[in-house]
C-alpha atoms as a PDB file:
ATOM      1  CA  MET A   1     -26.683  -6.468 -10.477  1.00  0.00           C
ATOM      2  CA  LYS A   2     -29.529  -8.764 -11.430  1.00  0.00           C
ATOM      3  CA  LYS A   3     -29.690 -12.152  -9.792  1.00  0.00           C
ATOM      4  CA  THR A   4     -29.172 -14.037 -13.060  1.00  0.00           C
ATOM      5  CA  GLU A   5     -25.986 -12.060 -13.709  1.00  0.00           C
ATOM      6  CA  TYR A   6     -24.872 -12.719 -10.134  1.00  0.00           C
ATOM      7  CA  VAL A   7     -25.475 -16.463 -10.472  1.00  0.00           C
ATOM      8  CA  ASN A   8     -23.648 -16.553 -13.801  1.00  0.00           C
ATOM      9  CA  ASP A   9     -20.684 -14.791 -12.183  1.00  0.00           C
ATOM     10  CA  LEU A  10     -20.717 -17.362  -9.392  1.00  0.00           C
ATOM     11  CA  LYS A  11     -20.743 -20.284 -11.814  1.00  0.00           C
ATOM     12  CA  VAL A  12     -17.545 -19.045 -13.471  1.00  0.00           C
ATOM     13  CA  LYS A  13     -15.605 -18.830 -10.202  1.00  0.00           C
ATOM     14  CA  THR A  14     -13.515 -21.601  -8.684  1.00  0.00           C
ATOM     15  CA  PRO A  15     -14.579 -23.344  -5.464  1.00  0.00           C
ATOM     16  CA  ASP A  16     -11.862 -21.486  -3.533  1.00  0.00           C
ATOM     17  CA  GLN A  17     -13.149 -18.135  -4.773  1.00  0.00           C
ATOM     18  CA  LEU A  18     -16.694 -19.178  -3.870  1.00  0.00           C
ATOM     19  CA  GLN A  19     -15.600 -20.129  -0.355  1.00  0.00           C
ATOM     20  CA  ALA A  20     -13.947 -16.729   0.047  1.00  0.00           C
ATOM     21  CA  GLU A  21     -17.085 -14.979  -1.160  1.00  0.00           C
ATOM     22  CA  LEU A  22     -19.216 -17.115   1.164  1.00  0.00           C
ATOM     23  CA  THR A  23     -17.059 -16.139   4.129  1.00  0.00           C
ATOM     24  CA  ALA A  24     -17.309 -12.460   3.217  1.00  0.00           C
ATOM     25  CA  ALA A  25     -21.084 -12.693   2.858  1.00  0.00           C
ATOM     26  CA  LYS A  26     -21.435 -14.386   6.244  1.00  0.00           C
ATOM     27  CA  LYS A  27     -19.329 -11.661   7.867  1.00  0.00           C
ATOM     28  CA  GLU A  28     -21.495  -9.023   6.210  1.00  0.00           C
ATOM     29  CA  LEU A  29     -24.637 -10.755   7.475  1.00  0.00           C
ATOM     30  CA  PHE A  30     -23.227 -10.814  11.004  1.00  0.00           C
ATOM     31  CA  ASN A  31     -22.447  -7.101  10.817  1.00  0.00           C
ATOM     32  CA  LEU A  32     -25.910  -6.319   9.448  1.00  0.00           C
ATOM     33  CA  ARG A  33     -27.562  -8.271  12.247  1.00  0.00           C
ATOM     34  CA  PHE A  34     -25.423  -6.475  14.804  1.00  0.00           C
ATOM     35  CA  GLN A  35     -26.349  -3.079  13.328  1.00  0.00           C
ATOM     36  CA  ASN A  36     -30.011  -4.087  13.311  1.00  0.00           C
ATOM     37  CA  ALA A  37     -29.871  -5.074  16.976  1.00  0.00           C
ATOM     38  CA  THR A  38     -28.381  -1.711  17.919  1.00  0.00           C
ATOM     39  CA  ASN A  39     -30.838   0.227  15.717  1.00  0.00           C
ATOM     40  CA  GLN A  40     -28.106   1.505  13.393  1.00  0.00           C
ATOM     41  CA  LEU A  41     -29.272  -0.277  10.252  1.00  0.00           C
ATOM     42  CA  ASN A  42     -31.059   1.911   7.708  1.00  0.00           C
ATOM     43  CA  ASN A  43     -31.768  -0.632   4.974  1.00  0.00           C
ATOM     44  CA  THR A  44     -33.209  -3.725   6.634  1.00  0.00           C
ATOM     45  CA  ALA A  45     -33.953  -5.327   3.256  1.00  0.00           C
ATOM     46  CA  ARG A  46     -30.195  -5.807   2.841  1.00  0.00           C
ATOM     47  CA  ILE A  47     -30.320  -8.641   5.409  1.00  0.00           C
ATOM     48  CA  LYS A  48     -32.726 -10.625   3.231  1.00  0.00           C
ATOM     49  CA  GLU A  49     -30.643  -9.932   0.132  1.00  0.00           C
ATOM     50  CA  VAL A  50     -27.424 -11.143   1.770  1.00  0.00           C
ATOM     51  CA  ARG A  51     -29.147 -14.290   3.097  1.00  0.00           C
ATOM     52  CA  LYS A  52     -30.332 -15.142  -0.406  1.00  0.00           C
ATOM     53  CA  ASN A  53     -26.855 -14.496  -1.826  1.00  0.00           C
ATOM     54  CA  ILE A  54     -25.389 -16.893   0.746  1.00  0.00           C
ATOM     55  CA  ALA A  55     -27.887 -19.536  -0.350  1.00  0.00           C
ATOM     56  CA  ARG A  56     -27.000 -18.938  -4.006  1.00  0.00           C
ATOM     57  CA  ILE A  57     -23.287 -19.334  -3.281  1.00  0.00           C
ATOM     58  CA  GLN A  58     -23.888 -22.550  -1.354  1.00  0.00           C
ATOM     59  CA  THR A  59     -26.048 -23.906  -4.173  1.00  0.00           C
ATOM     60  CA  VAL A  60     -23.336 -23.261  -6.768  1.00  0.00           C
ATOM     61  CA  LEU A  61     -20.740 -24.864  -4.472  1.00  0.00           C
ATOM     62  CA  THR A  62     -22.926 -27.964  -4.163  1.00  0.00           C
ATOM     63  CA  GLU A  63     -23.437 -28.116  -7.926  1.00  0.00           C
ATOM     64  CA  LYS A  64     -19.680 -27.946  -8.501  1.00  0.00           C
ATOM     65  CA  ALA A  65     -19.044 -30.639  -5.878  1.00  0.00           C
ATOM     66  CA  ASN A  66     -21.519 -33.026  -7.533  1.00  0.00           C
ATOM     67  CA  GLN A  67     -20.038 -32.716 -11.011  1.00  0.00           C
END
């Protein structure tokens, strides 16, 4: 999924759905970091991708809170 499509999907969701997605992304990031520390992670670029997705979710949450 392209990032513009991902952001558009985020903008349609409710704040509760965004919080749930944020929690899931943070759990995934924790698991990726754990796998990386134990040398089990094959795709290290996934960490960067998940971090950026977390930032995108937080940005959309902030935009919705300021409206």
